[in-house]
């Protein structure tokens, strides 16, 4: 089974959850490997939202799970607000 990403998942784990993860992070305003490296090793996605101004963390989590092949609700289309 693929890794399930939650708000409590560490940034480096979520970033490695699928080949699409780096692009998904960038689409939500965070490049943790390049900028905002303070969150890379020990911070959760929830903490990164505060420190690095992640846009729409819940949608990012949903998209990371979809990219990793996890079943569940599909992520909202790009630009749409999360439910």
PDB file of N, CA and C in Angstrom:
ATOM      1  N   UNK A   1       0.843  -1.185   0.000  1.00  0.00           N
ATOM      2  CA  UNK A   1       0.000   0.000   0.000  1.00  0.00           C
ATOM      3  C   UNK A   1       0.884   1.242   0.000  1.00  0.00           C
ATOM      4  N   UNK A   2       0.477   2.248  -0.720  1.00  0.00           N
ATOM      5  CA  UNK A   2       1.218   3.497  -0.796  1.00  0.00           C
ATOM      6  C   UNK A   2       1.112   4.254   0.526  1.00  0.00           C
ATOM      7  N   UNK A   3       2.079   5.099   0.751  1.00  0.00           N
ATOM      8  CA  UNK A   3       2.085   5.924   1.954  1.00  0.00           C
ATOM      9  C   UNK A   3       0.871   6.846   1.957  1.00  0.00           C
ATOM     10  N   UNK A   4       0.218   6.961   3.098  1.00  0.00           N
ATOM     11  CA  UNK A   4      -0.899   7.887   3.255  1.00  0.00           C
ATOM     12  C   UNK A   4      -0.350   9.178   3.842  1.00  0.00           C
ATOM     13  N   UNK A   5      -0.576  10.273   3.151  1.00  0.00           N
ATOM     14  CA  UNK A   5      -0.098  11.584   3.577  1.00  0.00           C
ATOM     15  C   UNK A   5      -1.203  12.269   4.381  1.00  0.00           C
ATOM     16  N   UNK A   6      -0.826  12.822   5.538  1.00  0.00           N
ATOM     17  CA  UNK A   6      -1.748  13.597   6.370  1.00  0.00           C
ATOM     18  C   UNK A   6      -1.082  14.923   6.713  1.00  0.00           C
ATOM     19  N   UNK A   7      -1.797  15.780   7.397  1.00  0.00           N
ATOM     20  CA  UNK A   7      -1.225  17.043   7.851  1.00  0.00           C
ATOM     21  C   UNK A   7      -0.058  16.809   8.816  1.00  0.00           C
ATOM     22  N   UNK A   8      -0.010  15.647   9.457  1.00  0.00           N
ATOM     23  CA  UNK A   8       1.036  15.329  10.420  1.00  0.00           C
ATOM     24  C   UNK A   8       2.264  14.683   9.776  1.00  0.00           C
ATOM     25  N   UNK A   9       2.190  14.342   8.499  1.00  0.00           N
ATOM     26  CA  UNK A   9       3.321  13.735   7.793  1.00  0.00           C
ATOM     27  C   UNK A   9       4.468  14.734   7.719  1.00  0.00           C
ATOM     28  N   UNK A  10       5.674  14.243   7.922  1.00  0.00           N
ATOM     29  CA  UNK A  10       6.861  15.092   7.806  1.00  0.00           C
ATOM     30  C   UNK A  10       7.035  15.540   6.355  1.00  0.00           C
ATOM     31  N   UNK A  11       7.527  16.755   6.196  1.00  0.00           N
ATOM     32  CA  UNK A  11       7.668  17.344   4.858  1.00  0.00           C
ATOM     33  C   UNK A  11       8.514  16.457   3.958  1.00  0.00           C
ATOM     34  N   UNK A  12       9.672  15.990   4.432  1.00  0.00           N
ATOM     35  CA  UNK A  12      10.548  15.193   3.565  1.00  0.00           C
ATOM     36  C   UNK A  12       9.887  13.881   3.156  1.00  0.00           C
ATOM     37  N   UNK A  13       9.040  13.317   4.005  1.00  0.00           N
ATOM     38  CA  UNK A  13       8.337  12.078   3.652  1.00  0.00           C
ATOM     39  C   UNK A  13       7.277  12.349   2.585  1.00  0.00           C
ATOM     40  N   UNK A  14       6.519  13.423   2.757  1.00  0.00           N
ATOM     41  CA  UNK A  14       5.490  13.773   1.774  1.00  0.00           C
ATOM     42  C   UNK A  14       6.115  14.115   0.429  1.00  0.00           C
ATOM     43  N   UNK A  15       7.263  14.805   0.460  1.00  0.00           N
ATOM     44  CA  UNK A  15       7.955  15.206  -0.761  1.00  0.00           C
ATOM     45  C   UNK A  15       8.417  13.991  -1.555  1.00  0.00           C
ATOM     46  N   UNK A  16       8.703  12.900  -0.851  1.00  0.00           N
ATOM     47  CA  UNK A  16       9.167  11.670  -1.495  1.00  0.00           C
ATOM     48  C   UNK A  16       8.031  10.674  -1.756  1.00  0.00           C
ATOM     49  N   UNK A  17       6.788  11.063  -1.502  1.00  0.00           N
ATOM     50  CA  UNK A  17       5.666  10.121  -1.586  1.00  0.00           C
ATOM     51  C   UNK A  17       5.323   9.690  -3.007  1.00  0.00           C
ATOM     52  N   UNK A  18       5.700  10.466  -4.004  1.00  0.00           N
ATOM     53  CA  UNK A  18       5.465  10.095  -5.400  1.00  0.00           C
ATOM     54  C   UNK A  18       6.353  10.940  -6.303  1.00  0.00           C
ATOM     55  N   UNK A  19       6.551  10.525  -7.541  1.00  0.00           N
ATOM     56  CA  UNK A  19       7.341  11.331  -8.472  1.00  0.00           C
ATOM     57  C   UNK A  19       6.718  12.701  -8.755  1.00  0.00           C
ATOM     58  N   UNK A  20       5.406  12.823  -8.578  1.00  0.00           N
ATOM     59  CA  UNK A  20       4.714  14.084  -8.839  1.00  0.00           C
ATOM     60  C   UNK A  20       4.758  15.049  -7.658  1.00  0.00           C
ATOM     61  N   UNK A  21       5.197  14.579  -6.497  1.00  0.00           N
ATOM     62  CA  UNK A  21       5.138  15.396  -5.281  1.00  0.00           C
ATOM     63  C   UNK A  21       5.877  16.737  -5.400  1.00  0.00           C
ATOM     64  N   UNK A  22       7.110  16.803  -5.931  1.00  0.00           N
ATOM     65  CA  UNK A  22       7.775  18.106  -6.019  1.00  0.00           C
ATOM     66  C   UNK A  22       6.964  19.150  -6.797  1.00  0.00           C
ATOM     67  N   UNK A  23       6.358  18.743  -7.899  1.00  0.00           N
ATOM     68  CA  UNK A  23       5.544  19.678  -8.687  1.00  0.00           C
ATOM     69  C   UNK A  23       4.281  20.083  -7.930  1.00  0.00           C
ATOM     70  N   UNK A  24       3.707  19.154  -7.174  1.00  0.00           N
ATOM     71  CA  UNK A  24       2.522  19.476  -6.382  1.00  0.00           C
ATOM     72  C   UNK A  24       2.863  20.470  -5.280  1.00  0.00           C
ATOM     73  N   UNK A  25       3.990  20.261  -4.620  1.00  0.00           N
ATOM     74  CA  UNK A  25       4.426  21.233  -3.609  1.00  0.00           C
ATOM     75  C   UNK A  25       4.594  22.606  -4.244  1.00  0.00           C
ATOM     76  N   UNK A  26       5.281  22.671  -5.381  1.00  0.00           N
ATOM     77  CA  UNK A  26       5.512  23.952  -6.054  1.00  0.00           C
ATOM     78  C   UNK A  26       4.199  24.628  -6.429  1.00  0.00           C
ATOM     79  N   UNK A  27       3.220  23.854  -6.866  1.00  0.00           N
ATOM     80  CA  UNK A  27       1.924  24.423  -7.245  1.00  0.00           C
ATOM     81  C   UNK A  27       1.201  25.032  -6.047  1.00  0.00           C
ATOM     82  N   UNK A  28       1.595  24.626  -4.846  1.00  0.00           N
ATOM     83  CA  UNK A  28       0.973  25.154  -3.629  1.00  0.00           C
ATOM     84  C   UNK A  28       1.888  26.144  -2.912  1.00  0.00           C
ATOM     85  N   UNK A  29       2.901  26.624  -3.615  1.00  0.00           N
ATOM     86  CA  UNK A  29       3.723  27.714  -3.114  1.00  0.00           C
ATOM     87  C   UNK A  29       4.866  27.333  -2.201  1.00  0.00           C
ATOM     88  N   UNK A  30       5.276  26.072  -2.191  1.00  0.00           N
ATOM     89  CA  UNK A  30       6.377  25.666  -1.320  1.00  0.00           C
ATOM     90  C   UNK A  30       7.371  24.819  -2.098  1.00  0.00           C
ATOM     91  N   UNK A  31       8.627  25.166  -1.949  1.00  0.00           N
ATOM     92  CA  UNK A  31       9.734  24.394  -2.528  1.00  0.00           C
ATOM     93  C   UNK A  31      10.683  24.068  -1.373  1.00  0.00           C
ATOM     94  N   UNK A  32      10.335  23.065  -0.571  1.00  0.00           N
ATOM     95  CA  UNK A  32      11.093  22.825   0.651  1.00  0.00           C
ATOM     96  C   UNK A  32      12.531  22.379   0.435  1.00  0.00           C
ATOM     97  N   UNK A  33      12.845  21.826  -0.708  1.00  0.00           N
ATOM     98  CA  UNK A  33      14.218  21.416  -0.976  1.00  0.00           C
ATOM     99  C   UNK A  33      15.082  22.610  -1.382  1.00  0.00           C
ATOM    100  N   UNK A  34      14.446  23.703  -1.806  1.00  0.00           N
ATOM    101  CA  UNK A  34      15.175  24.874  -2.284  1.00  0.00           C
ATOM    102  C   UNK A  34      14.993  26.081  -1.371  1.00  0.00           C
ATOM    103  N   UNK A  35      13.763  26.338  -0.991  1.00  0.00           N
ATOM    104  CA  UNK A  35      13.432  27.480  -0.139  1.00  0.00           C
ATOM    105  C   UNK A  35      12.646  26.943   1.047  1.00  0.00           C
ATOM    106  N   UNK A  36      12.701  27.620   2.136  1.00  0.00           N
ATOM    107  CA  UNK A  36      11.996  27.203   3.344  1.00  0.00           C
ATOM    108  C   UNK A  36      12.519  25.853   3.838  1.00  0.00           C
ATOM    109  N   UNK A  37      13.834  25.670   3.722  1.00  0.00           N
ATOM    110  CA  UNK A  37      14.460  24.411   4.106  1.00  0.00           C
ATOM    111  C   UNK A  37      14.353  24.133   5.599  1.00  0.00           C
ATOM    112  N   UNK A  38      13.991  25.133   6.366  1.00  0.00           N
ATOM    113  CA  UNK A  38      13.845  24.960   7.812  1.00  0.00           C
ATOM    114  C   UNK A  38      12.825  23.866   8.142  1.00  0.00           C
ATOM    115  N   UNK A  39      11.896  23.596   7.250  1.00  0.00           N
ATOM    116  CA  UNK A  39      10.856  22.603   7.516  1.00  0.00           C
ATOM    117  C   UNK A  39      11.221  21.209   7.001  1.00  0.00           C
ATOM    118  N   UNK A  40      12.332  21.045   6.328  1.00  0.00           N
ATOM    119  CA  UNK A  40      12.617  19.820   5.589  1.00  0.00           C
ATOM    120  C   UNK A  40      12.646  18.564   6.459  1.00  0.00           C
ATOM    121  N   UNK A  41      13.453  18.526   7.505  1.00  0.00           N
ATOM    122  CA  UNK A  41      13.676  17.286   8.240  1.00  0.00           C
ATOM    123  C   UNK A  41      12.624  16.947   9.283  1.00  0.00           C
ATOM    124  N   UNK A  42      12.290  17.880  10.122  1.00  0.00           N
ATOM    125  CA  UNK A  42      11.486  17.549  11.290  1.00  0.00           C
ATOM    126  C   UNK A  42      10.071  18.107  11.285  1.00  0.00           C
ATOM    127  N   UNK A  43       9.783  19.056  10.437  1.00  0.00           N
ATOM    128  CA  UNK A  43       8.472  19.712  10.470  1.00  0.00           C
ATOM    129  C   UNK A  43       7.407  18.882   9.756  1.00  0.00           C
ATOM    130  N   UNK A  44       6.202  18.963  10.280  1.00  0.00           N
ATOM    131  CA  UNK A  44       5.055  18.337   9.626  1.00  0.00           C
ATOM    132  C   UNK A  44       4.523  19.274   8.549  1.00  0.00           C
ATOM    133  N   UNK A  45       3.679  18.751   7.702  1.00  0.00           N
ATOM    134  CA  UNK A  45       3.029  19.609   6.703  1.00  0.00           C
ATOM    135  C   UNK A  45       2.236  20.708   7.390  1.00  0.00           C
ATOM    136  N   UNK A  46       1.605  20.388   8.511  1.00  0.00           N
ATOM    137  CA  UNK A  46       0.834  21.375   9.260  1.00  0.00           C
ATOM    138  C   UNK A  46       1.727  22.532   9.711  1.00  0.00           C
ATOM    139  N   UNK A  47       2.921  22.215  10.199  1.00  0.00           N
ATOM    140  CA  UNK A  47       3.863  23.260  10.611  1.00  0.00           C
ATOM    141  C   UNK A  47       4.371  24.044   9.405  1.00  0.00           C
ATOM    142  N   UNK A  48       4.610  23.359   8.303  1.00  0.00           N
ATOM    143  CA  UNK A  48       5.077  24.032   7.091  1.00  0.00           C
ATOM    144  C   UNK A  48       4.047  25.032   6.586  1.00  0.00           C
ATOM    145  N   UNK A  49       2.771  24.731   6.786  1.00  0.00           N
ATOM    146  CA  UNK A  49       1.722  25.656   6.360  1.00  0.00           C
ATOM    147  C   UNK A  49       1.916  27.016   7.029  1.00  0.00           C
ATOM    148  N   UNK A  50       2.257  27.012   8.297  1.00  0.00           N
ATOM    149  CA  UNK A  50       2.457  28.271   9.034  1.00  0.00           C
ATOM    150  C   UNK A  50       3.759  28.952   8.640  1.00  0.00           C
ATOM    151  N   UNK A  51       4.846  28.193   8.585  1.00  0.00           N
ATOM    152  CA  UNK A  51       6.164  28.780   8.388  1.00  0.00           C
ATOM    153  C   UNK A  51       6.448  29.163   6.951  1.00  0.00           C
ATOM    154  N   UNK A  52       5.885  28.430   6.003  1.00  0.00           N
ATOM    155  CA  UNK A  52       6.243  28.626   4.598  1.00  0.00           C
ATOM    156  C   UNK A  52       5.078  29.111   3.741  1.00  0.00           C
ATOM    157  N   UNK A  53       3.979  29.425   4.392  1.00  0.00           N
ATOM    158  CA  UNK A  53       2.821  29.989   3.682  1.00  0.00           C
ATOM    159  C   UNK A  53       2.326  29.082   2.560  1.00  0.00           C
ATOM    160  N   UNK A  54       2.140  27.808   2.890  1.00  0.00           N
ATOM    161  CA  UNK A  54       1.596  26.848   1.925  1.00  0.00           C
ATOM    162  C   UNK A  54       0.180  27.266   1.575  1.00  0.00           C
ATOM    163  N   UNK A  55      -0.133  27.269   0.291  1.00  0.00           N
ATOM    164  CA  UNK A  55      -1.487  27.609  -0.160  1.00  0.00           C
ATOM    165  C   UNK A  55      -2.347  26.347  -0.172  1.00  0.00           C
ATOM    166  N   UNK A  56      -3.437  26.368   0.564  1.00  0.00           N
ATOM    167  CA  UNK A  56      -4.450  25.312   0.564  1.00  0.00           C
ATOM    168  C   UNK A  56      -3.866  23.936   0.875  1.00  0.00           C
ATOM    169  N   UNK A  57      -3.423  23.778   2.115  1.00  0.00           N
ATOM    170  CA  UNK A  57      -2.769  22.543   2.537  1.00  0.00           C
ATOM    171  C   UNK A  57      -3.661  21.320   2.380  1.00  0.00           C
ATOM    172  N   UNK A  58      -4.940  21.439   2.674  1.00  0.00           N
ATOM    173  CA  UNK A  58      -5.819  20.269   2.565  1.00  0.00           C
ATOM    174  C   UNK A  58      -5.889  19.745   1.128  1.00  0.00           C
ATOM    175  N   UNK A  59      -5.904  20.642   0.166  1.00  0.00           N
ATOM    176  CA  UNK A  59      -5.904  20.210  -1.231  1.00  0.00           C
ATOM    177  C   UNK A  59      -4.563  19.598  -1.600  1.00  0.00           C
ATOM    178  N   UNK A  60      -3.463  20.174  -1.098  1.00  0.00           N
ATOM    179  CA  UNK A  60      -2.146  19.585  -1.348  1.00  0.00           C
ATOM    180  C   UNK A  60      -2.098  18.159  -0.805  1.00  0.00           C
ATOM    181  N   UNK A  61      -2.584  17.945   0.407  1.00  0.00           N
ATOM    182  CA  UNK A  61      -2.592  16.596   0.996  1.00  0.00           C
ATOM    183  C   UNK A  61      -3.411  15.645   0.129  1.00  0.00           C
ATOM    184  N   UNK A  62      -4.580  16.091  -0.323  1.00  0.00           N
ATOM    185  CA  UNK A  62      -5.428  15.242  -1.175  1.00  0.00           C
ATOM    186  C   UNK A  62      -4.721  14.912  -2.485  1.00  0.00           C
ATOM    187  N   UNK A  63      -4.054  15.878  -3.070  1.00  0.00           N
ATOM    188  CA  UNK A  63      -3.358  15.653  -4.334  1.00  0.00           C
ATOM    189  C   UNK A  63      -2.146  14.745  -4.153  1.00  0.00           C
ATOM    190  N   UNK A  64      -1.436  14.889  -3.039  1.00  0.00           N
ATOM    191  CA  UNK A  64      -0.312  13.999  -2.762  1.00  0.00           C
ATOM    192  C   UNK A  64      -0.794  12.565  -2.611  1.00  0.00           C
ATOM    193  N   UNK A  65      -1.908  12.374  -1.919  1.00  0.00           N
ATOM    194  CA  UNK A  65      -2.459  11.024  -1.764  1.00  0.00           C
ATOM    195  C   UNK A  65      -2.907  10.452  -3.102  1.00  0.00           C
ATOM    196  N   UNK A  66      -3.538  11.260  -3.932  1.00  0.00           N
ATOM    197  CA  UNK A  66      -3.962  10.785  -5.253  1.00  0.00           C
ATOM    198  C   UNK A  66      -2.749  10.407  -6.099  1.00  0.00           C
ATOM    199  N   UNK A  67      -1.707  11.221  -6.047  1.00  0.00           N
ATOM    200  CA  UNK A  67      -0.499  10.943  -6.830  1.00  0.00           C
ATOM    201  C   UNK A  67       0.206   9.675  -6.340  1.00  0.00           C
ATOM    202  N   UNK A  68       0.077   9.392  -5.045  1.00  0.00           N
ATOM    203  CA  UNK A  68       0.696   8.206  -4.477  1.00  0.00           C
ATOM    204  C   UNK A  68      -0.151   6.955  -4.692  1.00  0.00           C
ATOM    205  N   UNK A  69      -1.342   7.119  -5.278  1.00  0.00           N
ATOM    206  CA  UNK A  69      -2.198   5.982  -5.566  1.00  0.00           C
ATOM    207  C   UNK A  69      -3.097   5.570  -4.418  1.00  0.00           C
ATOM    208  N   UNK A  70      -3.344   6.487  -3.496  1.00  0.00           N
ATOM    209  CA  UNK A  70      -4.238   6.184  -2.374  1.00  0.00           C
ATOM    210  C   UNK A  70      -5.683   6.428  -2.777  1.00  0.00           C
ATOM    211  N   UNK A  71      -6.560   5.514  -2.423  1.00  0.00           N
ATOM    212  CA  UNK A  71      -7.980   5.724  -2.715  1.00  0.00           C
ATOM    213  C   UNK A  71      -8.529   6.831  -1.822  1.00  0.00           C
ATOM    214  N   UNK A  72      -9.646   7.324  -2.187  1.00  0.00           N
ATOM    215  CA  UNK A  72     -10.284   8.373  -1.398  1.00  0.00           C
ATOM    216  C   UNK A  72     -10.939   9.372  -2.317  1.00  0.00           C
ATOM    217  N   UNK A  73     -11.355  10.453  -1.741  1.00  0.00           N
ATOM    218  CA  UNK A  73     -11.984  11.505  -2.528  1.00  0.00           C
ATOM    219  C   UNK A  73     -10.967  12.087  -3.493  1.00  0.00           C
ATOM    220  N   UNK A  74     -11.358  12.322  -4.728  1.00  0.00           N
ATOM    221  CA  UNK A  74     -10.417  12.936  -5.675  1.00  0.00           C
ATOM    222  C   UNK A  74     -10.142  14.372  -5.262  1.00  0.00           C
ATOM    223  N   UNK A  75      -8.939  14.872  -5.554  1.00  0.00           N
ATOM    224  CA  UNK A  75      -8.646  16.256  -5.214  1.00  0.00           C
ATOM    225  C   UNK A  75      -9.478  17.202  -6.070  1.00  0.00           C
ATOM    226  N   UNK A  76      -9.769  18.382  -5.545  1.00  0.00           N
ATOM    227  CA  UNK A  76     -10.526  19.343  -6.348  1.00  0.00           C
ATOM    228  C   UNK A  76      -9.696  19.778  -7.560  1.00  0.00           C
ATOM    229  N   UNK A  77     -10.359  20.234  -8.605  1.00  0.00           N
ATOM    230  CA  UNK A  77      -9.613  20.709  -9.780  1.00  0.00           C
ATOM    231  C   UNK A  77      -8.738  21.892  -9.402  1.00  0.00           C
ATOM    232  N   UNK A  78      -7.699  22.102 -10.178  1.00  0.00           N
ATOM    233  CA  UNK A  78      -6.785  23.204  -9.922  1.00  0.00           C
ATOM    234  C   UNK A  78      -7.552  24.512  -9.836  1.00  0.00           C
ATOM    235  N   UNK A  79      -7.238  25.291  -8.816  1.00  0.00           N
ATOM    236  CA  UNK A  79      -7.890  26.587  -8.629  1.00  0.00           C
ATOM    237  C   UNK A  79      -9.185  26.527  -7.848  1.00  0.00           C
ATOM    238  N   UNK A  80      -9.701  25.339  -7.618  1.00  0.00           N
ATOM    239  CA  UNK A  80     -10.956  25.213  -6.871  1.00  0.00           C
ATOM    240  C   UNK A  80     -10.661  25.127  -5.386  1.00  0.00           C
ATOM    241  N   UNK A  81     -11.546  25.625  -4.589  1.00  0.00           N
ATOM    242  CA  UNK A  81     -11.401  25.560  -3.144  1.00  0.00           C
ATOM    243  C   UNK A  81     -11.681  24.140  -2.666  1.00  0.00           C
ATOM    244  N   UNK A  82     -10.990  23.759  -1.617  1.00  0.00           N
ATOM    245  CA  UNK A  82     -11.249  22.444  -1.016  1.00  0.00           C
ATOM    246  C   UNK A  82     -12.593  22.466  -0.333  1.00  0.00           C
ATOM    247  N   UNK A  83     -13.271  21.297  -0.258  1.00  0.00           N
ATOM    248  CA  UNK A  83     -14.584  21.273   0.382  1.00  0.00           C
ATOM    249  C   UNK A  83     -14.512  21.587   1.850  1.00  0.00           C
TER     250      UNK A  83
END
